[in-house]
C-alpha atoms as a PDB file:
ATOM      1  CA  MET A   1    -174.199  36.276 163.339  1.00  0.00           C
ATOM      2  CA  VAL A   2    -176.925  36.896 165.933  1.00  0.00           C
ATOM      3  CA  ASP A   3    -175.690  38.860 168.951  1.00  0.00           C
ATOM      4  CA  GLY A   4    -177.143  37.421 172.127  1.00  0.00           C
ATOM      5  CA  GLY A   5    -176.200  40.474 174.213  1.00  0.00           C
ATOM      6  CA  ASN A   6    -178.718  43.030 175.365  1.00  0.00           C
ATOM      7  CA  MET A   7    -178.302  46.507 176.808  1.00  0.00           C
ATOM      8  CA  ILE A   8    -181.565  46.409 178.767  1.00  0.00           C
ATOM      9  CA  LYS A   9    -181.015  46.144 182.500  1.00  0.00           C
ATOM     10  CA  PHE A  10    -183.496  43.812 184.171  1.00  0.00           C
ATOM     11  CA  GLY A  11    -184.520  44.701 187.698  1.00  0.00           C
ATOM     12  CA  LYS A  12    -186.986  43.409 190.266  1.00  0.00           C
ATOM     13  CA  GLU A  13    -187.915  46.836 191.619  1.00  0.00           C
ATOM     14  CA  GLU A  14    -191.535  47.967 191.780  1.00  0.00           C
ATOM     15  CA  PRO A  15    -192.579  49.969 188.689  1.00  0.00           C
ATOM     16  CA  PHE A  16    -192.660  53.760 189.002  1.00  0.00           C
ATOM     17  CA  ILE A  17    -195.784  53.903 186.802  1.00  0.00           C
ATOM     18  CA  LYS A  18    -198.415  51.274 187.504  1.00  0.00           C
ATOM     19  CA  PRO A  19    -201.378  50.147 185.374  1.00  0.00           C
ATOM     20  CA  LYS A  20    -204.775  51.372 186.572  1.00  0.00           C
ATOM     21  CA  GLY A  21    -207.027  49.101 184.539  1.00  0.00           C
ATOM     22  CA  ILE A  22    -209.434  49.831 181.734  1.00  0.00           C
ATOM     23  CA  LYS A  23    -211.459  53.022 181.394  1.00  0.00           C
ATOM     24  CA  PHE A  24    -215.189  53.543 181.040  1.00  0.00           C
ATOM     25  CA  LYS A  25    -217.523  55.808 179.115  1.00  0.00           C
ATOM     26  CA  SER A  26    -220.219  57.762 180.962  1.00  0.00           C
ATOM     27  CA  TRP A  27    -222.881  55.150 180.210  1.00  0.00           C
ATOM     28  CA  GLN A  28    -220.778  52.156 181.245  1.00  0.00           C
ATOM     29  CA  ASP A  29    -220.634  50.520 184.685  1.00  0.00           C
ATOM     30  CA  GLU A  30    -217.303  51.271 186.371  1.00  0.00           C
ATOM     31  CA  ASN A  31    -218.010  48.532 188.934  1.00  0.00           C
ATOM     32  CA  VAL A  32    -218.448  45.773 186.351  1.00  0.00           C
ATOM     33  CA  LYS A  33    -216.599  42.550 187.105  1.00  0.00           C
ATOM     34  CA  LEU A  34    -214.829  41.253 184.014  1.00  0.00           C
ATOM     35  CA  PRO A  35    -214.871  37.519 183.250  1.00  0.00           C
ATOM     36  CA  LYS A  36    -211.557  36.125 184.516  1.00  0.00           C
ATOM     37  CA  VAL A  37    -210.369  34.781 181.130  1.00  0.00           C
ATOM     38  CA  ALA A  38    -209.661  37.270 178.349  1.00  0.00           C
ATOM     39  CA  VAL A  39    -209.376  36.384 174.665  1.00  0.00           C
ATOM     40  CA  GLY A  40    -207.178  38.654 172.556  1.00  0.00           C
ATOM     41  CA  VAL A  41    -207.054  38.532 168.760  1.00  0.00           C
ATOM     42  CA  PHE A  42    -204.657  40.537 166.586  1.00  0.00           C
ATOM     43  CA  SER A  43    -206.833  40.656 163.468  1.00  0.00           C
ATOM     44  CA  LYS A  44    -209.266  43.583 163.272  1.00  0.00           C
ATOM     45  CA  MET A  45    -211.480  41.644 160.865  1.00  0.00           C
ATOM     46  CA  LEU A  46    -211.709  38.652 163.172  1.00  0.00           C
ATOM     47  CA  PHE A  47    -212.301  40.930 166.160  1.00  0.00           C
ATOM     48  CA  LYS A  48    -215.207  42.622 164.365  1.00  0.00           C
ATOM     49  CA  ASP A  49    -216.546  39.236 163.263  1.00  0.00           C
ATOM     50  CA  ILE A  50    -216.551  37.937 166.853  1.00  0.00           C
ATOM     51  CA  VAL A  51    -218.286  41.058 168.168  1.00  0.00           C
ATOM     52  CA  GLU A  52    -221.041  40.751 165.574  1.00  0.00           C
ATOM     53  CA  LYS A  53    -221.434  36.980 165.647  1.00  0.00           C
ATOM     54  CA  PHE A  54    -221.644  36.634 169.425  1.00  0.00           C
ATOM     55  CA  ASN A  55    -223.617  39.834 170.082  1.00  0.00           C
ATOM     56  CA  CYS A  56    -220.927  41.092 172.453  1.00  0.00           C
ATOM     57  CA  LYS A  57    -221.505  43.799 175.042  1.00  0.00           C
ATOM     58  CA  GLU A  58    -219.037  46.697 175.165  1.00  0.00           C
ATOM     59  CA  ILE A  59    -218.003  47.201 178.796  1.00  0.00           C
ATOM     60  CA  GLY A  60    -215.049  49.602 178.670  1.00  0.00           C
ATOM     61  CA  TYR A  61    -211.876  50.410 176.785  1.00  0.00           C
ATOM     62  CA  ILE A  62    -208.094  50.255 176.955  1.00  0.00           C
ATOM     63  CA  HIS A  63    -206.683  53.756 176.628  1.00  0.00           C
ATOM     64  CA  TYR A  64    -203.514  54.661 174.741  1.00  0.00           C
ATOM     65  CA  VAL A  65    -202.217  58.171 174.091  1.00  0.00           C
ATOM     66  CA  ASN A  66    -203.479  58.083 170.492  1.00  0.00           C
ATOM     67  CA  LEU A  67    -205.952  55.177 170.541  1.00  0.00           C
ATOM     68  CA  ASP A  68    -208.864  53.773 172.537  1.00  0.00           C
ATOM     69  CA  LYS A  69    -209.659  50.072 172.097  1.00  0.00           C
ATOM     70  CA  PRO A  70    -213.041  48.741 173.215  1.00  0.00           C
ATOM     71  CA  VAL A  71    -213.258  45.785 175.579  1.00  0.00           C
ATOM     72  CA  TYR A  72    -216.229  43.444 175.278  1.00  0.00           C
ATOM     73  CA  MET A  73    -217.921  40.677 177.194  1.00  0.00           C
ATOM     74  CA  LEU A  74    -219.207  37.628 175.321  1.00  0.00           C
ATOM     75  CA  ASN A  75    -221.089  34.485 176.144  1.00  0.00           C
ATOM     76  CA  TYR A  76    -219.623  31.359 174.586  1.00  0.00           C
ATOM     77  CA  LYS A  77    -221.675  28.228 175.269  1.00  0.00           C
ATOM     78  CA  GLY A  78    -222.653  29.568 178.675  1.00  0.00           C
ATOM     79  CA  THR A  79    -219.138  30.726 179.624  1.00  0.00           C
ATOM     80  CA  MET A  80    -218.597  34.460 179.991  1.00  0.00           C
ATOM     81  CA  LEU A  81    -215.341  35.696 178.471  1.00  0.00           C
ATOM     82  CA  THR A  82    -213.622  39.061 178.068  1.00  0.00           C
ATOM     83  CA  LEU A  83    -212.678  40.036 174.502  1.00  0.00           C
ATOM     84  CA  PHE A  84    -210.086  42.589 173.346  1.00  0.00           C
ATOM     85  CA  LEU A  85    -208.196  43.565 170.203  1.00  0.00           C
ATOM     86  CA  ALA A  86    -204.605  42.563 170.946  1.00  0.00           C
ATOM     87  CA  GLY A  87    -201.930  45.193 170.393  1.00  0.00           C
ATOM     88  CA  VAL A  88    -199.323  44.408 167.743  1.00  0.00           C
ATOM     89  CA  ALA A  89    -195.672  44.061 168.905  1.00  0.00           C
ATOM     90  CA  GLY A  90    -194.215  43.748 172.383  1.00  0.00           C
ATOM     91  CA  PRO A  91    -194.928  47.125 174.021  1.00  0.00           C
ATOM     92  CA  ALA A  92    -198.587  47.132 172.919  1.00  0.00           C
ATOM     93  CA  ILE A  93    -199.444  43.589 173.974  1.00  0.00           C
ATOM     94  CA  ALA A  94    -197.572  44.072 177.261  1.00  0.00           C
ATOM     95  CA  SER A  95    -199.707  47.141 177.975  1.00  0.00           C
ATOM     96  CA  ASP A  96    -202.892  45.222 177.151  1.00  0.00           C
ATOM     97  CA  ILE A  97    -201.995  42.414 179.538  1.00  0.00           C
ATOM     98  CA  GLU A  98    -200.943  44.810 182.299  1.00  0.00           C
ATOM     99  CA  GLU A  99    -204.101  46.941 182.115  1.00  0.00           C
ATOM    100  CA  LEU A 100    -206.494  44.004 181.875  1.00  0.00           C
ATOM    101  CA  HIS A 101    -204.748  42.152 184.681  1.00  0.00           C
ATOM    102  CA  ALA A 102    -205.038  45.306 186.823  1.00  0.00           C
ATOM    103  CA  GLN A 103    -208.773  45.163 186.083  1.00  0.00           C
ATOM    104  CA  GLY A 104    -209.009  41.603 187.405  1.00  0.00           C
ATOM    105  CA  ILE A 105    -208.234  39.348 184.439  1.00  0.00           C
ATOM    106  CA  GLU A 106    -206.546  36.165 185.665  1.00  0.00           C
ATOM    107  CA  LYS A 107    -205.842  34.290 182.412  1.00  0.00           C
ATOM    108  CA  PHE A 108    -205.249  35.125 178.750  1.00  0.00           C
ATOM    109  CA  VAL A 109    -205.763  33.407 175.410  1.00  0.00           C
ATOM    110  CA  ILE A 110    -204.022  35.348 172.630  1.00  0.00           C
ATOM    111  CA  TYR A 111    -203.904  34.267 168.993  1.00  0.00           C
ATOM    112  CA  GLY A 112    -203.043  35.588 165.561  1.00  0.00           C
ATOM    113  CA  ASN A 113    -201.168  35.285 162.314  1.00  0.00           C
ATOM    114  CA  CYS A 114    -197.463  34.420 161.997  1.00  0.00           C
ATOM    115  CA  GLY A 115    -194.843  33.925 159.319  1.00  0.00           C
ATOM    116  CA  VAL A 116    -193.485  30.414 158.768  1.00  0.00           C
ATOM    117  CA  LEU A 117    -189.871  29.334 158.297  1.00  0.00           C
ATOM    118  CA  ASP A 118    -190.901  25.915 157.006  1.00  0.00           C
ATOM    119  CA  SER A 119    -192.801  25.842 153.711  1.00  0.00           C
ATOM    120  CA  LYS A 120    -194.295  22.453 154.604  1.00  0.00           C
ATOM    121  CA  ILE A 121    -196.520  24.170 157.171  1.00  0.00           C
ATOM    122  CA  LYS A 122    -199.832  24.667 155.398  1.00  0.00           C
ATOM    123  CA  ASP A 123    -201.476  28.052 155.065  1.00  0.00           C
ATOM    124  CA  CYS A 124    -203.803  28.794 158.009  1.00  0.00           C
ATOM    125  CA  SER A 125    -202.772  25.641 159.863  1.00  0.00           C
ATOM    126  CA  ILE A 126    -202.114  25.934 163.594  1.00  0.00           C
ATOM    127  CA  ILE A 127    -198.765  26.373 165.309  1.00  0.00           C
ATOM    128  CA  ILE A 128    -198.313  25.944 169.063  1.00  0.00           C
ATOM    129  CA  PRO A 129    -195.141  27.739 170.204  1.00  0.00           C
ATOM    130  CA  SER A 130    -193.087  25.873 172.803  1.00  0.00           C
ATOM    131  CA  ARG A 131    -190.270  28.406 173.161  1.00  0.00           C
ATOM    132  CA  ALA A 132    -189.641  31.905 171.822  1.00  0.00           C
ATOM    133  CA  TYR A 133    -186.237  33.210 170.760  1.00  0.00           C
ATOM    134  CA  ARG A 134    -186.029  36.743 172.088  1.00  0.00           C
ATOM    135  CA  GLU A 135    -185.053  39.255 169.403  1.00  0.00           C
ATOM    136  CA  GLU A 136    -187.263  42.016 170.755  1.00  0.00           C
ATOM    137  CA  GLY A 137    -186.882  44.372 173.679  1.00  0.00           C
ATOM    138  CA  THR A 138    -189.971  44.233 175.879  1.00  0.00           C
ATOM    139  CA  SER A 139    -189.453  40.765 177.359  1.00  0.00           C
ATOM    140  CA  TYR A 140    -186.051  41.808 178.763  1.00  0.00           C
ATOM    141  CA  HIS A 141    -187.788  44.267 181.097  1.00  0.00           C
ATOM    142  CA  TYR A 142    -189.881  41.462 182.640  1.00  0.00           C
ATOM    143  CA  VAL A 143    -187.546  38.470 182.983  1.00  0.00           C
ATOM    144  CA  PRO A 144    -183.742  38.157 183.051  1.00  0.00           C
ATOM    145  CA  GLU A 145    -181.755  37.982 179.828  1.00  0.00           C
ATOM    146  CA  SER A 146    -181.707  34.657 177.980  1.00  0.00           C
ATOM    147  CA  GLU A 147    -181.596  33.444 174.394  1.00  0.00           C
ATOM    148  CA  PHE A 148    -185.138  32.130 174.567  1.00  0.00           C
ATOM    149  CA  ILE A 149    -188.075  31.784 176.924  1.00  0.00           C
ATOM    150  CA  GLU A 150    -190.331  28.784 177.364  1.00  0.00           C
ATOM    151  CA  VAL A 151    -193.865  29.375 176.079  1.00  0.00           C
ATOM    152  CA  ASN A 152    -197.178  27.757 177.005  1.00  0.00           C
ATOM    153  CA  PRO A 153    -196.197  25.814 180.128  1.00  0.00           C
ATOM    154  CA  LYS A 154    -199.868  24.858 180.551  1.00  0.00           C
ATOM    155  CA  TYR A 155    -202.860  23.828 178.429  1.00  0.00           C
ATOM    156  CA  LYS A 156    -200.999  22.213 175.494  1.00  0.00           C
ATOM    157  CA  GLU A 157    -202.712  18.847 175.963  1.00  0.00           C
ATOM    158  CA  GLU A 158    -206.135  20.443 176.323  1.00  0.00           C
ATOM    159  CA  PHE A 159    -205.581  22.518 173.189  1.00  0.00           C
ATOM    160  CA  ILE A 160    -204.329  19.558 171.144  1.00  0.00           C
ATOM    161  CA  LYS A 161    -207.512  17.670 172.006  1.00  0.00           C
ATOM    162  CA  ILE A 162    -209.541  20.662 170.781  1.00  0.00           C
ATOM    163  CA  LEU A 163    -207.512  20.709 167.552  1.00  0.00           C
ATOM    164  CA  GLU A 164    -208.027  17.013 166.976  1.00  0.00           C
ATOM    165  CA  ASP A 165    -211.748  17.227 167.745  1.00  0.00           C
ATOM    166  CA  ASN A 166    -212.012  20.017 165.150  1.00  0.00           C
ATOM    167  CA  LYS A 167    -209.754  18.201 162.639  1.00  0.00           C
ATOM    168  CA  PHE A 168    -207.075  20.907 162.453  1.00  0.00           C
ATOM    169  CA  ASP A 169    -203.524  20.314 161.269  1.00  0.00           C
ATOM    170  CA  TYR A 170    -200.987  21.593 163.773  1.00  0.00           C
ATOM    171  CA  THR A 171    -197.269  21.968 164.431  1.00  0.00           C
ATOM    172  CA  ILE A 172    -195.485  22.336 167.766  1.00  0.00           C
ATOM    173  CA  GLY A 173    -192.166  24.161 167.770  1.00  0.00           C
ATOM    174  CA  SER A 174    -190.047  27.185 168.512  1.00  0.00           C
ATOM    175  CA  THR A 175    -190.822  30.706 167.358  1.00  0.00           C
ATOM    176  CA  TRP A 176    -188.680  33.769 166.663  1.00  0.00           C
ATOM    177  CA  THR A 177    -190.041  36.983 168.196  1.00  0.00           C
ATOM    178  CA  THR A 178    -188.806  40.163 166.533  1.00  0.00           C
ATOM    179  CA  ASP A 179    -189.836  43.800 166.767  1.00  0.00           C
ATOM    180  CA  ALA A 180    -188.449  44.800 163.361  1.00  0.00           C
ATOM    181  CA  PHE A 181    -190.090  42.823 160.579  1.00  0.00           C
ATOM    182  CA  TYR A 182    -188.262  44.774 157.870  1.00  0.00           C
ATOM    183  CA  ARG A 183    -185.040  43.390 159.368  1.00  0.00           C
ATOM    184  CA  GLU A 184    -186.041  39.769 158.837  1.00  0.00           C
ATOM    185  CA  THR A 185    -182.997  39.156 156.656  1.00  0.00           C
ATOM    186  CA  VAL A 186    -181.945  36.038 154.772  1.00  0.00           C
ATOM    187  CA  ASP A 187    -179.067  35.469 157.197  1.00  0.00           C
ATOM    188  CA  LYS A 188    -181.387  35.657 160.191  1.00  0.00           C
ATOM    189  CA  ILE A 189    -183.926  33.366 158.580  1.00  0.00           C
ATOM    190  CA  LYS A 190    -181.222  30.777 157.925  1.00  0.00           C
ATOM    191  CA  TYR A 191    -179.883  31.143 161.457  1.00  0.00           C
ATOM    192  CA  PHE A 192    -183.236  30.481 163.082  1.00  0.00           C
ATOM    193  CA  GLN A 193    -183.974  27.668 160.657  1.00  0.00           C
ATOM    194  CA  SER A 194    -180.734  26.056 161.862  1.00  0.00           C
ATOM    195  CA  LEU A 195    -182.259  26.063 165.357  1.00  0.00           C
ATOM    196  CA  ASP A 196    -185.378  24.340 163.974  1.00  0.00           C
ATOM    197  CA  VAL A 197    -187.500  27.434 164.569  1.00  0.00           C
ATOM    198  CA  LYS A 198    -190.870  27.141 162.828  1.00  0.00           C
ATOM    199  CA  THR A 199    -192.351  30.641 162.938  1.00  0.00           C
ATOM    200  CA  VAL A 200    -191.650  34.360 163.211  1.00  0.00           C
ATOM    201  CA  GLU A 201    -193.924  36.881 164.916  1.00  0.00           C
ATOM    202  CA  MET A 202    -193.792  39.976 167.116  1.00  0.00           C
ATOM    203  CA  GLU A 203    -195.376  39.116 170.469  1.00  0.00           C
ATOM    204  CA  GLY A 204    -194.673  35.540 171.628  1.00  0.00           C
ATOM    205  CA  ALA A 205    -191.679  36.193 173.870  1.00  0.00           C
ATOM    206  CA  THR A 206    -193.339  39.265 175.358  1.00  0.00           C
ATOM    207  CA  ILE A 207    -196.573  37.437 176.205  1.00  0.00           C
ATOM    208  CA  ALA A 208    -194.613  34.672 177.920  1.00  0.00           C
ATOM    209  CA  ALA A 209    -192.390  37.108 179.832  1.00  0.00           C
ATOM    210  CA  VAL A 210    -195.142  39.446 181.023  1.00  0.00           C
ATOM    211  CA  CYS A 211    -197.372  36.584 182.172  1.00  0.00           C
ATOM    212  CA  LYS A 212    -194.443  34.920 183.941  1.00  0.00           C
ATOM    213  CA  TYR A 213    -193.626  38.199 185.707  1.00  0.00           C
ATOM    214  CA  LEU A 214    -197.261  38.685 186.744  1.00  0.00           C
ATOM    215  CA  GLU A 215    -197.554  34.992 187.693  1.00  0.00           C
ATOM    216  CA  ILE A 216    -200.676  34.444 185.619  1.00  0.00           C
ATOM    217  CA  ASP A 217    -201.707  31.669 183.249  1.00  0.00           C
ATOM    218  CA  TYR A 218    -202.006  32.096 179.502  1.00  0.00           C
ATOM    219  CA  PHE A 219    -202.110  30.247 176.208  1.00  0.00           C
ATOM    220  CA  THR A 220    -200.994  31.654 172.878  1.00  0.00           C
ATOM    221  CA  PHE A 221    -201.040  30.140 169.411  1.00  0.00           C
ATOM    222  CA  TYR A 222    -200.784  31.102 165.745  1.00  0.00           C
ATOM    223  CA  TYR A 223    -202.320  30.356 162.385  1.00  0.00           C
ATOM    224  CA  ALA A 224    -199.839  30.200 159.509  1.00  0.00           C
ATOM    225  CA  GLY A 225    -199.579  33.153 157.156  1.00  0.00           C
ATOM    226  CA  ASP A 226    -196.700  34.353 154.981  1.00  0.00           C
ATOM    227  CA  ASN A 227    -193.891  31.984 154.000  1.00  0.00           C
ATOM    228  CA  LEU A 228    -190.228  32.959 154.492  1.00  0.00           C
ATOM    229  CA  ASP A 229    -188.920  29.532 153.493  1.00  0.00           C
ATOM    230  CA  SER A 230    -188.617  30.429 149.811  1.00  0.00           C
ATOM    231  CA  VAL A 231    -186.444  32.232 147.288  1.00  0.00           C
ATOM    232  CA  LYS A 232    -188.827  35.197 147.383  1.00  0.00           C
ATOM    233  CA  TRP A 233    -191.249  36.202 150.124  1.00  0.00           C
ATOM    234  CA  GLU A 234    -194.644  34.530 149.705  1.00  0.00           C
ATOM    235  CA  GLU A 235    -197.488  36.564 151.209  1.00  0.00           C
ATOM    236  CA  ARG A 236    -200.002  33.697 151.161  1.00  0.00           C
ATOM    237  CA  SER A 237    -202.876  34.577 153.541  1.00  0.00           C
ATOM    238  CA  LEU A 238    -201.126  37.389 155.429  1.00  0.00           C
ATOM    239  CA  HIS A 239    -203.822  39.837 154.298  1.00  0.00           C
ATOM    240  CA  GLU A 240    -206.715  39.666 156.753  1.00  0.00           C
ATOM    241  CA  ALA A 241    -209.400  39.029 154.131  1.00  0.00           C
ATOM    242  CA  THR A 242    -207.545  36.145 152.433  1.00  0.00           C
ATOM    243  CA  ASN A 243    -208.968  32.741 153.434  1.00  0.00           C
ATOM    244  CA  PHE A 244    -211.133  34.512 155.980  1.00  0.00           C
ATOM    245  CA  ASP A 245    -213.496  31.541 156.229  1.00  0.00           C
ATOM    246  CA  LYS A 246    -210.611  29.415 157.536  1.00  0.00           C
ATOM    247  CA  LYS A 247    -209.586  32.107 160.000  1.00  0.00           C
ATOM    248  CA  GLN A 248    -213.116  32.294 161.368  1.00  0.00           C
ATOM    249  CA  LYS A 249    -212.814  28.624 162.305  1.00  0.00           C
ATOM    250  CA  VAL A 250    -209.590  29.391 164.185  1.00  0.00           C
ATOM    251  CA  THR A 251    -211.560  31.714 166.463  1.00  0.00           C
ATOM    252  CA  ILE A 252    -213.589  28.743 167.695  1.00  0.00           C
ATOM    253  CA  LEU A 253    -210.349  27.090 168.818  1.00  0.00           C
ATOM    254  CA  ALA A 254    -209.482  30.148 170.913  1.00  0.00           C
ATOM    255  CA  LEU A 255    -212.936  30.272 172.472  1.00  0.00           C
ATOM    256  CA  GLU A 256    -212.861  26.555 173.226  1.00  0.00           C
ATOM    257  CA  ILE A 257    -209.536  26.695 175.082  1.00  0.00           C
ATOM    258  CA  ALA A 258    -210.705  29.822 176.924  1.00  0.00           C
ATOM    259  CA  LYS A 259    -213.809  27.930 178.026  1.00  0.00           C
ATOM    260  CA  GLU A 260    -211.605  25.123 179.340  1.00  0.00           C
ATOM    261  CA  MET A 261    -209.378  27.559 181.206  1.00  0.00           C
ATOM    262  CA  SER A 262    -212.447  29.158 182.792  1.00  0.00           C
ATOM    263  CA  LYS A 263    -213.342  25.894 184.534  1.00  0.00           C
ATOM    264  CA  GLU A 264    -210.387  26.178 186.927  1.00  0.00           C
END
């Protein structure tokens, strides 16, 4: 049912267009040195909440043709971190990673909402992806074709300790990365469930592929949102404002693992 073939031709050649890093407004310091670990969050509400709660300093922006996204610096328990609003879907998050890495970022923590293929996974509980089935396009430009890519080769044990210290439920398992959420059909859901896949999202395989290509460390994780393991789609807490108090607590998990990664 699922065609494993791909028309994208992977190559090891140098890119014709190279990232130049973030951009700066007239009042910002172009010589600023960004903290080496960047935290990216997909939720605009959580991003705004972090900026306000931690009194972040705006230091530059990531430029797209039709969008500029501010980049901030924050102090978490004495550890300086870079903060950015993560782009949704493969091409956007790949661009974020490329531009920030060109600016000196060495490691990434990226987190956000996902759909679940197992109704037993509680709303807003944590999922740690271990492999991502590649049903998107961007990852195929960064690593050779394969059915899936391993995710999170480092920091699982450190993150699990953080989860346990903060009394969070969690699941470890495979994820399905797609770039067409309106083509998440019943047949596809059943197929990936047969592979014991736990979640569906739009960036996991890309994050793993881009970071592998760039030879940089990262950690990515999800908090459970909509449920696809049902007769009809269950939105649950997919809307940003739903169960926002729980999602705010998830941010602390991201900051804690980023702090740990900064020690290296």
